[in-house]
């Protein structure tokens, strides 16, 4: 084949290749390797670092617990995600009970109590100048929204009973009350009960662990 003919064929191949659209695939990867029996791990999902929970009774399913966006204080979202998942995993064998806010060494913190230890142990330090409860509710939005009786559309959603779609939408948009529509109230409780978000094997009830379009479990997590 001559040089000119070869160039024509190559050009046709490149042109054809450029016309092929690759399918969109959700990008999921484990940030730090986790032990095979770990239930909490930091995942990088579609451009965000997310603390995921993997219930033992639901192989292949995962639930988002936290999205540690940029909060300041010198911590990157990746570092916070890794540290939050590490701490939750270390407390998990004691039976996670409630998530609260407290003060430790003059710093506001988000912390958890367990069935075996009533002390509130640190999950993350709140950057100076930020409201502890607001920070908790923002980072752990999946838990906060589900705990308040509503539903969130983060990676995998926790279930919420008796949802009113129009009421939820109006509430999210801060619209005035709509006649005939039950408007849900978004509350920020002193403590978030963690047991509904935990598998019975972890001392929870599992009431909120209802899978919905969950991302595929990353096999690299168990290598």
N, C-alpha and C. Protein backbone atom coordinates (compact mmCIF):
# COMPACT_ATOMS: atom_id res chain seq x y z
N UNK A 1 0.86 -1.19 0.00
CA UNK A 1 0.00 0.00 0.00
C UNK A 1 0.89 1.24 0.00
N UNK A 2 0.61 2.21 -0.87
CA UNK A 2 1.42 3.41 -0.95
C UNK A 2 1.20 4.30 0.25
N UNK A 3 2.10 5.28 0.39
CA UNK A 3 2.02 6.20 1.53
C UNK A 3 0.72 6.98 1.49
N UNK A 4 0.34 7.45 0.28
CA UNK A 4 -0.88 8.25 0.16
C UNK A 4 -2.12 7.43 0.51
N UNK A 5 -2.16 6.18 -0.01
CA UNK A 5 -3.32 5.31 0.28
C UNK A 5 -3.39 5.00 1.77
N UNK A 6 -2.21 4.74 2.38
CA UNK A 6 -2.19 4.44 3.81
C UNK A 6 -2.70 5.62 4.62
N UNK A 7 -2.32 6.83 4.21
CA UNK A 7 -2.76 8.02 4.93
C UNK A 7 -4.27 8.18 4.84
N UNK A 8 -4.83 7.87 3.66
CA UNK A 8 -6.28 7.98 3.48
C UNK A 8 -7.00 7.00 4.40
N UNK A 9 -6.50 5.73 4.45
CA UNK A 9 -7.13 4.72 5.31
C UNK A 9 -7.03 5.12 6.77
N UNK A 10 -5.84 5.59 7.19
CA UNK A 10 -5.66 6.00 8.58
C UNK A 10 -6.59 7.15 8.93
N UNK A 11 -6.73 8.10 8.00
CA UNK A 11 -7.62 9.23 8.25
C UNK A 11 -9.05 8.78 8.42
N UNK A 12 -9.46 7.79 7.63
CA UNK A 12 -10.83 7.28 7.74
C UNK A 12 -11.05 6.61 9.08
N UNK A 13 -10.04 5.86 9.53
CA UNK A 13 -10.15 5.17 10.83
C UNK A 13 -10.27 6.17 11.95
N UNK A 14 -9.41 7.22 11.92
CA UNK A 14 -9.46 8.23 12.97
C UNK A 14 -10.79 8.96 12.96
N UNK A 15 -11.29 9.24 11.75
CA UNK A 15 -12.58 9.92 11.64
C UNK A 15 -13.69 9.08 12.22
N UNK A 16 -13.67 7.78 11.94
CA UNK A 16 -14.68 6.87 12.47
C UNK A 16 -14.59 6.79 13.97
N UNK A 17 -13.34 6.70 14.46
CA UNK A 17 -13.15 6.61 15.91
C UNK A 17 -13.66 7.84 16.61
N UNK A 18 -13.49 9.02 15.98
CA UNK A 18 -13.95 10.25 16.60
C UNK A 18 -15.46 10.33 16.66
N UNK A 19 -16.15 9.54 15.82
CA UNK A 19 -17.61 9.61 15.78
C UNK A 19 -18.25 8.69 16.79
N UNK A 20 -17.45 7.84 17.43
CA UNK A 20 -17.99 6.88 18.38
C UNK A 20 -18.03 7.51 19.76
N UNK A 21 -19.21 7.57 20.38
CA UNK A 21 -19.35 8.15 21.71
C UNK A 21 -19.26 7.05 22.75
N UNK A 22 -18.36 7.22 23.70
CA UNK A 22 -18.22 6.23 24.76
C UNK A 22 -19.32 6.42 25.78
N UNK A 23 -19.84 5.33 26.34
CA UNK A 23 -20.91 5.46 27.32
C UNK A 23 -20.40 6.11 28.59
N UNK A 24 -21.31 6.84 29.27
CA UNK A 24 -20.96 7.49 30.54
C UNK A 24 -20.99 6.47 31.66
N UNK A 25 -19.91 6.39 32.41
CA UNK A 25 -19.81 5.41 33.49
C UNK A 25 -19.48 6.15 34.78
N UNK A 26 -20.22 5.86 35.85
CA UNK A 26 -19.93 6.48 37.14
C UNK A 26 -18.56 6.05 37.62
N UNK A 27 -17.75 7.03 37.96
CA UNK A 27 -16.39 6.74 38.39
C UNK A 27 -16.37 6.51 39.89
N UNK A 28 -16.04 5.30 40.31
CA UNK A 28 -15.99 4.96 41.72
C UNK A 28 -14.68 4.27 42.03
N UNK A 29 -13.98 4.77 43.04
CA UNK A 29 -12.75 4.13 43.44
C UNK A 29 -12.53 4.33 44.92
N UNK A 30 -11.90 3.35 45.55
CA UNK A 30 -11.58 3.44 46.96
C UNK A 30 -10.36 4.31 47.14
N UNK A 31 -10.47 5.32 48.01
CA UNK A 31 -9.37 6.25 48.22
C UNK A 31 -8.23 5.56 48.95
N UNK A 32 -8.54 4.87 50.03
CA UNK A 32 -7.52 4.15 50.80
C UNK A 32 -7.95 2.70 50.95
N UNK A 33 -7.05 1.75 50.77
CA UNK A 33 -7.41 0.34 50.94
C UNK A 33 -7.98 0.09 52.33
N UNK A 34 -9.06 -0.68 52.39
CA UNK A 34 -9.69 -1.00 53.67
C UNK A 34 -9.65 -2.50 53.90
N UNK A 35 -9.59 -2.92 55.17
CA UNK A 35 -9.61 -4.36 55.46
C UNK A 35 -10.87 -5.00 54.89
N UNK A 36 -10.79 -6.29 54.63
CA UNK A 36 -11.92 -6.99 54.02
C UNK A 36 -13.17 -6.93 54.87
N UNK A 37 -13.01 -6.84 56.20
CA UNK A 37 -14.17 -6.82 57.08
C UNK A 37 -14.60 -5.41 57.47
N UNK A 38 -13.99 -4.38 56.88
CA UNK A 38 -14.35 -3.00 57.19
C UNK A 38 -15.73 -2.68 56.63
N UNK A 39 -16.52 -1.92 57.38
CA UNK A 39 -17.86 -1.52 56.95
C UNK A 39 -17.90 -0.06 56.53
N UNK A 40 -16.91 0.72 56.93
CA UNK A 40 -16.83 2.12 56.50
C UNK A 40 -15.58 2.30 55.65
N UNK A 41 -15.72 3.01 54.54
CA UNK A 41 -14.58 3.28 53.66
C UNK A 41 -14.83 4.57 52.91
N UNK A 42 -13.75 5.26 52.59
CA UNK A 42 -13.85 6.49 51.80
C UNK A 42 -13.79 6.14 50.32
N UNK A 43 -14.79 6.58 49.58
CA UNK A 43 -14.85 6.33 48.14
C UNK A 43 -14.83 7.66 47.39
N UNK A 44 -14.23 7.64 46.21
CA UNK A 44 -14.25 8.80 45.32
C UNK A 44 -15.28 8.50 44.24
N UNK A 45 -16.42 9.19 44.30
CA UNK A 45 -17.55 8.88 43.44
C UNK A 45 -17.96 10.12 42.65
N UNK A 46 -17.82 10.03 41.33
CA UNK A 46 -18.23 11.12 40.45
C UNK A 46 -17.70 12.47 40.91
N UNK A 47 -16.42 12.51 41.26
CA UNK A 47 -15.78 13.77 41.61
C UNK A 47 -15.92 14.21 43.04
N UNK A 48 -16.51 13.37 43.90
CA UNK A 48 -16.68 13.73 45.31
C UNK A 48 -16.17 12.61 46.21
N UNK A 49 -15.64 13.01 47.36
CA UNK A 49 -15.22 12.04 48.36
C UNK A 49 -16.39 11.77 49.30
N UNK A 50 -16.73 10.49 49.44
CA UNK A 50 -17.91 10.11 50.21
C UNK A 50 -17.56 8.99 51.18
N UNK A 51 -17.96 9.14 52.43
CA UNK A 51 -17.82 8.07 53.41
C UNK A 51 -18.99 7.11 53.21
N UNK A 52 -18.68 5.88 52.83
CA UNK A 52 -19.71 4.89 52.53
C UNK A 52 -19.76 3.81 53.60
N UNK A 53 -20.99 3.31 53.82
CA UNK A 53 -21.20 2.21 54.77
C UNK A 53 -21.66 0.98 54.00
N UNK A 54 -21.07 -0.17 54.31
CA UNK A 54 -21.36 -1.43 53.62
C UNK A 54 -21.96 -2.42 54.62
N UNK A 55 -23.30 -2.56 54.66
CA UNK A 55 -23.92 -3.48 55.62
C UNK A 55 -23.60 -4.94 55.29
N UNK A 56 -23.29 -5.68 56.31
CA UNK A 56 -22.90 -7.08 56.13
C UNK A 56 -24.01 -7.92 55.52
N UNK A 57 -25.26 -7.60 55.85
CA UNK A 57 -26.38 -8.41 55.37
C UNK A 57 -26.79 -8.08 53.94
N UNK A 58 -26.16 -7.06 53.34
CA UNK A 58 -26.51 -6.66 51.97
C UNK A 58 -25.24 -6.59 51.11
N UNK A 59 -24.67 -7.74 50.78
CA UNK A 59 -23.46 -7.73 49.96
C UNK A 59 -23.68 -6.97 48.65
N UNK A 60 -22.74 -6.11 48.33
CA UNK A 60 -22.84 -5.34 47.10
C UNK A 60 -23.56 -4.01 47.23
N UNK A 61 -24.20 -3.76 48.39
CA UNK A 61 -24.89 -2.49 48.60
C UNK A 61 -24.02 -1.55 49.44
N UNK A 62 -24.20 -0.26 49.22
CA UNK A 62 -23.45 0.74 50.00
C UNK A 62 -24.32 1.96 50.22
N UNK A 63 -24.08 2.65 51.32
CA UNK A 63 -24.89 3.80 51.70
C UNK A 63 -23.99 4.97 52.09
N UNK A 64 -24.32 6.18 51.61
CA UNK A 64 -23.49 7.34 51.94
C UNK A 64 -23.78 7.86 53.34
N UNK A 65 -22.73 8.06 54.10
CA UNK A 65 -22.88 8.64 55.43
C UNK A 65 -22.42 10.09 55.46
N UNK A 66 -21.38 10.41 54.75
CA UNK A 66 -20.83 11.76 54.85
C UNK A 66 -20.22 12.20 53.53
N UNK A 67 -20.35 13.50 53.26
CA UNK A 67 -19.68 14.15 52.13
C UNK A 67 -18.88 15.32 52.69
N UNK A 68 -17.64 15.07 53.07
CA UNK A 68 -16.83 16.14 53.68
C UNK A 68 -16.28 17.11 52.65
N UNK A 69 -17.09 18.08 52.26
CA UNK A 69 -16.64 19.10 51.32
C UNK A 69 -15.61 20.01 51.99
N UNK A 70 -15.11 20.96 51.25
CA UNK A 70 -14.09 21.85 51.79
C UNK A 70 -14.65 22.65 52.96
N UNK A 71 -14.10 22.45 54.15
CA UNK A 71 -14.56 23.13 55.35
C UNK A 71 -13.52 24.12 55.87
N UNK A 72 -12.33 24.09 55.30
CA UNK A 72 -11.26 24.92 55.83
C UNK A 72 -10.52 24.18 56.93
N UNK A 73 -9.71 24.90 57.66
CA UNK A 73 -8.96 24.29 58.75
C UNK A 73 -7.77 23.48 58.28
N UNK A 74 -7.39 23.61 57.01
CA UNK A 74 -6.21 22.92 56.52
C UNK A 74 -6.43 21.48 56.11
N UNK A 75 -7.69 21.02 56.12
CA UNK A 75 -7.99 19.64 55.75
C UNK A 75 -8.63 19.62 54.36
N UNK A 76 -8.15 18.74 53.50
CA UNK A 76 -8.77 18.55 52.20
C UNK A 76 -9.97 17.61 52.35
N UNK A 77 -10.93 17.64 51.42
CA UNK A 77 -12.05 16.70 51.49
C UNK A 77 -11.59 15.25 51.53
N UNK A 78 -10.52 14.92 50.78
CA UNK A 78 -10.02 13.55 50.78
C UNK A 78 -9.50 13.15 52.16
N UNK A 79 -8.73 14.04 52.78
CA UNK A 79 -8.18 13.72 54.10
C UNK A 79 -9.27 13.57 55.14
N UNK A 80 -10.26 14.48 55.10
CA UNK A 80 -11.37 14.37 56.05
C UNK A 80 -12.15 13.08 55.84
N UNK A 81 -12.41 12.75 54.58
CA UNK A 81 -13.17 11.54 54.26
C UNK A 81 -12.46 10.30 54.80
N UNK A 82 -11.17 10.24 54.57
CA UNK A 82 -10.39 9.08 55.03
C UNK A 82 -10.39 8.99 56.55
N UNK A 83 -10.24 10.14 57.22
CA UNK A 83 -10.18 10.13 58.68
C UNK A 83 -11.54 9.83 59.31
N UNK A 84 -12.60 10.39 58.73
CA UNK A 84 -13.94 10.11 59.25
C UNK A 84 -14.26 8.63 59.13
N UNK A 85 -13.98 8.04 57.98
CA UNK A 85 -14.26 6.61 57.79
C UNK A 85 -13.41 5.76 58.74
N UNK A 86 -12.17 6.16 58.96
CA UNK A 86 -11.29 5.41 59.87
C UNK A 86 -11.83 5.45 61.29
N UNK A 87 -12.27 6.62 61.74
CA UNK A 87 -12.77 6.74 63.11
C UNK A 87 -14.09 6.01 63.29
N UNK A 88 -15.00 6.15 62.34
CA UNK A 88 -16.26 5.43 62.45
C UNK A 88 -16.03 3.93 62.48
N UNK A 89 -15.11 3.46 61.67
CA UNK A 89 -14.80 2.03 61.64
C UNK A 89 -14.20 1.57 62.97
N UNK A 90 -13.39 2.41 63.59
CA UNK A 90 -12.76 2.03 64.86
C UNK A 90 -13.78 1.98 65.99
N UNK A 91 -14.84 2.81 65.91
CA UNK A 91 -15.88 2.81 66.95
C UNK A 91 -16.97 1.78 66.67
N UNK A 92 -17.08 1.33 65.44
CA UNK A 92 -18.18 0.45 65.04
C UNK A 92 -18.32 -0.80 65.89
N UNK A 93 -17.24 -1.50 66.27
CA UNK A 93 -17.40 -2.71 67.07
C UNK A 93 -18.08 -2.47 68.42
N UNK A 94 -18.06 -1.22 68.91
CA UNK A 94 -18.70 -0.91 70.19
C UNK A 94 -20.19 -0.63 70.04
N UNK A 95 -20.69 -0.60 68.81
CA UNK A 95 -22.11 -0.36 68.59
C UNK A 95 -22.44 1.13 68.54
N UNK A 96 -22.30 1.74 67.36
CA UNK A 96 -22.59 3.17 67.22
C UNK A 96 -24.03 3.47 67.64
N UNK A 97 -24.19 4.54 68.42
CA UNK A 97 -25.50 4.82 69.00
C UNK A 97 -26.07 6.16 68.53
N UNK A 98 -25.37 7.26 68.85
CA UNK A 98 -25.85 8.59 68.49
C UNK A 98 -24.70 9.46 67.97
N UNK A 99 -25.04 10.39 67.10
CA UNK A 99 -24.09 11.40 66.64
C UNK A 99 -24.49 12.74 67.23
N UNK A 100 -23.56 13.36 67.93
CA UNK A 100 -23.82 14.61 68.63
C UNK A 100 -22.78 15.66 68.29
N UNK A 101 -22.92 16.82 68.89
CA UNK A 101 -21.87 17.84 68.86
C UNK A 101 -21.43 18.08 70.30
N UNK A 102 -20.17 18.41 70.48
CA UNK A 102 -19.64 18.62 71.82
C UNK A 102 -18.43 19.55 71.72
N UNK A 103 -17.72 19.68 72.83
CA UNK A 103 -16.51 20.50 72.88
C UNK A 103 -15.39 19.68 73.48
N UNK A 104 -14.23 19.70 72.83
CA UNK A 104 -13.07 18.97 73.32
C UNK A 104 -11.83 19.85 73.14
N UNK A 105 -11.11 20.07 74.24
CA UNK A 105 -9.93 20.94 74.21
C UNK A 105 -10.25 22.31 73.60
N UNK A 106 -11.41 22.85 73.99
CA UNK A 106 -11.86 24.17 73.55
C UNK A 106 -12.23 24.23 72.07
N UNK A 107 -12.35 23.08 71.41
CA UNK A 107 -12.75 23.03 70.01
C UNK A 107 -14.11 22.35 69.89
N UNK A 108 -14.98 22.91 69.05
CA UNK A 108 -16.24 22.23 68.75
C UNK A 108 -15.95 20.97 67.94
N UNK A 109 -16.64 19.90 68.25
CA UNK A 109 -16.44 18.65 67.53
C UNK A 109 -17.78 18.00 67.19
N UNK A 110 -17.76 17.14 66.19
CA UNK A 110 -18.85 16.22 65.92
C UNK A 110 -18.39 14.87 66.43
N UNK A 111 -19.22 14.21 67.22
CA UNK A 111 -18.77 13.00 67.91
C UNK A 111 -19.88 11.96 67.96
N UNK A 112 -19.53 10.75 68.36
CA UNK A 112 -20.51 9.66 68.46
C UNK A 112 -20.39 8.97 69.81
N UNK A 113 -21.54 8.52 70.30
CA UNK A 113 -21.57 7.65 71.46
C UNK A 113 -21.80 6.22 70.97
N UNK A 114 -21.46 5.26 71.80
CA UNK A 114 -21.67 3.86 71.44
C UNK A 114 -22.38 3.13 72.57
N UNK A 115 -22.84 1.94 72.27
CA UNK A 115 -23.54 1.16 73.27
C UNK A 115 -22.62 0.75 74.41
N UNK A 116 -21.34 0.65 74.14
CA UNK A 116 -20.38 0.24 75.17
C UNK A 116 -19.65 1.41 75.81
N UNK A 117 -19.79 2.61 75.25
CA UNK A 117 -19.08 3.76 75.78
C UNK A 117 -19.95 5.00 75.61
N UNK A 118 -20.39 5.57 76.73
CA UNK A 118 -21.27 6.74 76.67
C UNK A 118 -20.52 8.03 76.37
N UNK A 119 -19.19 8.00 76.46
CA UNK A 119 -18.41 9.19 76.10
C UNK A 119 -18.59 9.49 74.62
N UNK A 120 -18.67 10.78 74.30
CA UNK A 120 -18.82 11.17 72.90
C UNK A 120 -17.44 11.29 72.28
N UNK A 121 -17.11 10.33 71.42
CA UNK A 121 -15.76 10.27 70.83
C UNK A 121 -15.73 10.98 69.48
N UNK A 122 -14.66 11.68 69.24
CA UNK A 122 -14.55 12.60 68.11
C UNK A 122 -14.62 11.89 66.76
N UNK A 123 -15.38 12.49 65.85
CA UNK A 123 -15.43 12.06 64.46
C UNK A 123 -14.73 13.09 63.58
N UNK A 124 -15.01 14.36 63.85
CA UNK A 124 -14.29 15.43 63.16
C UNK A 124 -14.29 16.69 64.01
N UNK A 125 -13.26 17.51 63.84
CA UNK A 125 -13.16 18.80 64.52
C UNK A 125 -13.77 19.87 63.63
N UNK A 126 -14.64 20.68 64.21
CA UNK A 126 -15.29 21.75 63.46
C UNK A 126 -14.32 22.92 63.33
N UNK A 127 -14.08 23.40 62.11
CA UNK A 127 -13.18 24.55 61.93
C UNK A 127 -13.65 25.76 62.73
N UNK A 128 -12.73 26.54 63.27
CA UNK A 128 -13.10 27.73 64.05
C UNK A 128 -14.02 28.66 63.27
N UNK A 129 -14.99 29.22 63.98
CA UNK A 129 -15.91 30.16 63.36
C UNK A 129 -17.12 29.53 62.71
N UNK A 130 -17.19 28.20 62.71
CA UNK A 130 -18.33 27.52 62.10
C UNK A 130 -19.23 26.93 63.18
N UNK A 131 -20.52 26.92 62.92
CA UNK A 131 -21.48 26.35 63.85
C UNK A 131 -21.39 24.83 63.81
N UNK A 132 -21.24 24.23 64.98
CA UNK A 132 -21.01 22.78 65.05
C UNK A 132 -22.17 21.98 64.48
N UNK A 133 -23.39 22.36 64.85
CA UNK A 133 -24.54 21.58 64.39
C UNK A 133 -24.78 21.76 62.90
N UNK A 134 -24.60 22.97 62.41
CA UNK A 134 -24.75 23.22 60.97
C UNK A 134 -23.72 22.42 60.19
N UNK A 135 -22.49 22.39 60.70
CA UNK A 135 -21.43 21.63 60.04
C UNK A 135 -21.76 20.14 60.03
N UNK A 136 -22.21 19.63 61.16
CA UNK A 136 -22.60 18.21 61.24
C UNK A 136 -23.70 17.90 60.24
N UNK A 137 -24.73 18.75 60.21
CA UNK A 137 -25.87 18.48 59.34
C UNK A 137 -25.49 18.58 57.86
N UNK A 138 -24.50 19.41 57.54
CA UNK A 138 -24.08 19.54 56.15
C UNK A 138 -23.21 18.37 55.72
N UNK A 139 -22.25 17.99 56.56
CA UNK A 139 -21.35 16.89 56.21
C UNK A 139 -22.10 15.56 56.20
N UNK A 140 -22.97 15.36 57.19
CA UNK A 140 -23.72 14.11 57.30
C UNK A 140 -25.17 14.32 56.84
N UNK A 141 -25.33 14.99 55.71
CA UNK A 141 -26.66 15.34 55.23
C UNK A 141 -27.54 14.12 54.98
N UNK A 142 -26.97 13.05 54.47
CA UNK A 142 -27.76 11.84 54.21
C UNK A 142 -28.44 11.34 55.48
N UNK A 143 -27.71 11.37 56.60
CA UNK A 143 -28.28 10.93 57.87
C UNK A 143 -29.26 11.95 58.40
N UNK A 144 -28.88 13.23 58.32
CA UNK A 144 -29.71 14.29 58.88
C UNK A 144 -31.07 14.35 58.22
N UNK A 145 -31.09 14.30 56.89
CA UNK A 145 -32.35 14.40 56.15
C UNK A 145 -33.22 13.18 56.42
N UNK A 146 -32.63 12.00 56.38
CA UNK A 146 -33.41 10.78 56.64
C UNK A 146 -33.91 10.76 58.08
N UNK A 147 -33.09 11.24 59.02
CA UNK A 147 -33.47 11.26 60.43
C UNK A 147 -34.64 12.21 60.67
N UNK A 148 -34.75 13.25 59.83
CA UNK A 148 -35.83 14.23 60.00
C UNK A 148 -37.11 13.80 59.28
N UNK A 149 -37.09 12.59 58.70
CA UNK A 149 -38.29 12.07 58.06
C UNK A 149 -38.39 12.38 56.59
N UNK A 150 -37.31 12.91 56.00
CA UNK A 150 -37.31 13.19 54.58
C UNK A 150 -36.34 12.24 53.90
N UNK A 151 -36.19 12.41 52.59
CA UNK A 151 -35.34 11.51 51.81
C UNK A 151 -34.33 12.32 51.03
N UNK A 152 -33.14 11.78 50.86
CA UNK A 152 -32.09 12.46 50.11
C UNK A 152 -31.71 11.63 48.90
N UNK A 153 -31.24 12.30 47.85
CA UNK A 153 -30.89 11.58 46.63
C UNK A 153 -29.39 11.41 46.48
N UNK A 154 -28.65 11.41 47.57
CA UNK A 154 -27.22 11.12 47.50
C UNK A 154 -27.04 9.70 47.01
N UNK A 155 -25.82 9.37 46.61
CA UNK A 155 -25.45 8.15 45.90
C UNK A 155 -26.45 7.00 46.07
N UNK A 156 -26.67 6.54 47.28
CA UNK A 156 -27.73 5.58 47.56
C UNK A 156 -28.58 6.22 48.64
N UNK A 157 -29.89 6.23 48.50
CA UNK A 157 -30.71 6.95 49.45
C UNK A 157 -31.15 6.07 50.60
N UNK A 158 -31.30 6.70 51.77
CA UNK A 158 -31.96 6.04 52.88
C UNK A 158 -33.45 6.26 52.68
N UNK A 159 -34.25 5.34 53.17
CA UNK A 159 -35.68 5.45 52.95
C UNK A 159 -36.30 6.42 53.93
N UNK A 160 -37.40 7.05 53.51
CA UNK A 160 -38.18 7.92 54.38
C UNK A 160 -39.63 7.56 54.19
N UNK A 161 -40.37 7.34 55.26
CA UNK A 161 -41.75 6.90 55.16
C UNK A 161 -42.69 8.09 54.99
N UNK A 162 -43.81 7.87 54.27
CA UNK A 162 -44.86 8.86 54.11
C UNK A 162 -44.34 10.17 53.55
N UNK A 163 -43.56 10.08 52.50
CA UNK A 163 -43.04 11.29 51.88
C UNK A 163 -44.16 12.00 51.13
N UNK A 164 -44.12 13.31 51.16
CA UNK A 164 -45.03 14.12 50.37
C UNK A 164 -44.17 14.88 49.38
N UNK A 165 -44.20 14.48 48.09
CA UNK A 165 -43.26 15.01 47.11
C UNK A 165 -43.40 16.51 46.95
N UNK A 166 -44.65 17.00 46.79
CA UNK A 166 -44.84 18.44 46.60
C UNK A 166 -44.43 19.21 47.84
N UNK A 167 -44.75 18.67 48.98
CA UNK A 167 -44.37 19.33 50.22
C UNK A 167 -42.87 19.39 50.38
N UNK A 168 -42.19 18.29 50.06
CA UNK A 168 -40.73 18.26 50.15
C UNK A 168 -40.11 19.28 49.21
N UNK A 169 -40.65 19.35 47.97
CA UNK A 169 -40.10 20.27 46.99
C UNK A 169 -40.28 21.72 47.45
N UNK A 170 -41.46 22.04 47.93
CA UNK A 170 -41.71 23.40 48.40
C UNK A 170 -40.82 23.74 49.59
N UNK A 171 -40.62 22.76 50.45
CA UNK A 171 -39.77 22.99 51.62
C UNK A 171 -38.33 23.25 51.20
N UNK A 172 -37.84 22.47 50.22
CA UNK A 172 -36.47 22.65 49.75
C UNK A 172 -36.27 24.01 49.10
N UNK A 173 -37.31 24.52 48.42
CA UNK A 173 -37.21 25.80 47.72
C UNK A 173 -37.64 26.97 48.58
N UNK A 174 -37.96 26.69 49.87
CA UNK A 174 -38.39 27.73 50.80
C UNK A 174 -39.63 28.48 50.30
N UNK A 175 -40.56 27.73 49.68
CA UNK A 175 -41.78 28.33 49.19
C UNK A 175 -42.80 28.41 50.31
N UNK A 176 -43.78 29.32 50.22
CA UNK A 176 -44.81 29.40 51.25
C UNK A 176 -45.67 28.15 51.25
N UNK A 177 -46.42 27.97 52.32
CA UNK A 177 -47.26 26.79 52.46
C UNK A 177 -48.27 26.70 51.32
N UNK A 178 -48.48 25.48 50.86
CA UNK A 178 -49.44 25.24 49.79
C UNK A 178 -50.70 24.64 50.40
N UNK A 179 -51.87 25.25 50.18
CA UNK A 179 -53.11 24.71 50.75
C UNK A 179 -53.31 23.25 50.39
N UNK A 180 -53.62 22.45 51.39
CA UNK A 180 -53.89 21.04 51.15
C UNK A 180 -52.66 20.18 51.09
N UNK A 181 -51.47 20.79 51.17
CA UNK A 181 -50.23 20.03 51.12
C UNK A 181 -49.58 20.03 52.50
N UNK A 182 -49.27 18.85 52.98
CA UNK A 182 -48.61 18.73 54.28
C UNK A 182 -47.14 19.06 54.14
N UNK A 183 -46.72 20.17 54.71
CA UNK A 183 -45.34 20.61 54.57
C UNK A 183 -44.49 19.97 55.66
N UNK A 184 -43.48 19.19 55.31
CA UNK A 184 -42.63 18.58 56.31
C UNK A 184 -41.74 19.62 56.96
N UNK A 185 -41.45 19.42 58.21
CA UNK A 185 -40.57 20.35 58.91
C UNK A 185 -39.18 19.74 58.99
N UNK A 186 -38.19 20.53 58.58
CA UNK A 186 -36.81 20.05 58.66
C UNK A 186 -36.25 20.47 60.01
N UNK A 187 -36.00 19.53 60.85
CA UNK A 187 -35.50 19.84 62.18
C UNK A 187 -34.03 19.43 62.27
N UNK A 188 -33.36 20.09 63.18
CA UNK A 188 -31.97 19.73 63.45
C UNK A 188 -31.92 19.28 64.89
N UNK A 189 -31.87 17.99 65.10
CA UNK A 189 -31.95 17.45 66.45
C UNK A 189 -30.61 17.54 67.15
N UNK A 190 -30.67 17.48 68.48
CA UNK A 190 -29.44 17.49 69.27
C UNK A 190 -28.59 16.27 68.96
N UNK A 191 -29.25 15.15 68.72
CA UNK A 191 -28.53 13.90 68.44
C UNK A 191 -29.21 13.15 67.31
N UNK A 192 -28.41 12.55 66.46
CA UNK A 192 -28.94 11.70 65.39
C UNK A 192 -28.82 10.25 65.83
N UNK A 193 -29.95 9.57 65.87
CA UNK A 193 -29.95 8.15 66.22
C UNK A 193 -29.35 7.36 65.06
N UNK A 194 -28.24 6.68 65.30
CA UNK A 194 -27.52 5.99 64.23
C UNK A 194 -27.99 4.56 64.00
N UNK A 195 -28.71 3.99 64.92
CA UNK A 195 -29.07 2.57 64.81
C UNK A 195 -29.90 2.24 63.57
N UNK A 196 -30.84 3.10 63.13
CA UNK A 196 -31.58 2.77 61.91
C UNK A 196 -30.71 2.71 60.67
N UNK A 197 -29.52 3.32 60.72
CA UNK A 197 -28.63 3.35 59.56
C UNK A 197 -27.55 2.28 59.63
N UNK A 198 -27.68 1.39 60.60
CA UNK A 198 -26.68 0.34 60.81
C UNK A 198 -27.31 -1.04 60.69
N UNK A 199 -26.53 -1.97 60.18
CA UNK A 199 -26.95 -3.36 60.05
C UNK A 199 -27.10 -3.99 61.43
N UNK A 200 -28.02 -4.95 61.60
CA UNK A 200 -28.13 -5.65 62.88
C UNK A 200 -26.81 -6.25 63.36
N UNK A 201 -25.95 -6.66 62.43
CA UNK A 201 -24.65 -7.21 62.83
C UNK A 201 -23.76 -6.15 63.48
N UNK A 202 -24.10 -4.87 63.26
CA UNK A 202 -23.36 -3.77 63.88
C UNK A 202 -24.14 -3.12 65.01
N UNK A 203 -25.14 -3.84 65.53
CA UNK A 203 -25.92 -3.33 66.64
C UNK A 203 -27.04 -2.39 66.25
N UNK A 204 -27.35 -2.30 64.96
CA UNK A 204 -28.41 -1.41 64.51
C UNK A 204 -29.71 -2.14 64.24
N UNK A 205 -30.70 -1.38 63.78
CA UNK A 205 -31.99 -1.97 63.41
C UNK A 205 -32.10 -2.17 61.91
N UNK A 206 -31.33 -1.39 61.14
CA UNK A 206 -31.36 -1.50 59.69
C UNK A 206 -32.62 -0.96 59.04
N UNK A 207 -33.45 -0.23 59.81
CA UNK A 207 -34.72 0.25 59.27
C UNK A 207 -34.56 1.19 58.07
N UNK A 208 -33.45 1.91 58.03
CA UNK A 208 -33.24 2.87 56.94
C UNK A 208 -32.38 2.31 55.82
N UNK A 209 -31.98 1.07 55.92
CA UNK A 209 -31.10 0.48 54.91
C UNK A 209 -31.92 -0.17 53.80
N UNK A 210 -32.51 0.65 52.96
CA UNK A 210 -33.30 0.17 51.84
C UNK A 210 -32.60 0.61 50.56
N UNK A 211 -32.03 -0.33 49.80
CA UNK A 211 -31.24 0.04 48.62
C UNK A 211 -32.09 0.68 47.54
N UNK A 212 -31.50 1.64 46.84
CA UNK A 212 -32.16 2.30 45.73
C UNK A 212 -31.11 2.81 44.77
N UNK A 213 -30.95 2.09 43.64
CA UNK A 213 -29.97 2.46 42.62
C UNK A 213 -28.57 2.60 43.20
N UNK A 214 -28.17 1.64 44.00
CA UNK A 214 -26.85 1.69 44.62
C UNK A 214 -25.77 1.48 43.59
N UNK A 215 -24.61 2.17 43.76
CA UNK A 215 -23.49 1.93 42.84
C UNK A 215 -22.91 0.55 43.07
N UNK A 216 -22.29 -0.01 42.08
CA UNK A 216 -21.68 -1.33 42.21
C UNK A 216 -20.57 -1.30 43.23
N UNK A 217 -20.47 -2.36 44.00
CA UNK A 217 -19.42 -2.47 45.00
C UNK A 217 -18.07 -2.58 44.31
N UNK A 218 -17.12 -1.83 44.77
CA UNK A 218 -15.80 -1.82 44.17
C UNK A 218 -15.01 -3.03 44.64
N UNK A 219 -14.67 -3.97 43.75
CA UNK A 219 -13.94 -5.18 44.18
C UNK A 219 -12.56 -4.87 44.71
N UNK A 220 -11.96 -3.73 44.32
CA UNK A 220 -10.63 -3.39 44.80
C UNK A 220 -10.62 -3.16 46.31
N UNK A 221 -11.80 -2.84 46.87
CA UNK A 221 -11.88 -2.58 48.30
C UNK A 221 -11.52 -3.82 49.12
N UNK A 222 -11.73 -4.99 48.55
CA UNK A 222 -11.53 -6.22 49.31
C UNK A 222 -10.24 -6.94 48.92
N UNK A 223 -9.36 -6.30 48.19
CA UNK A 223 -8.10 -6.93 47.81
C UNK A 223 -7.05 -6.73 48.88
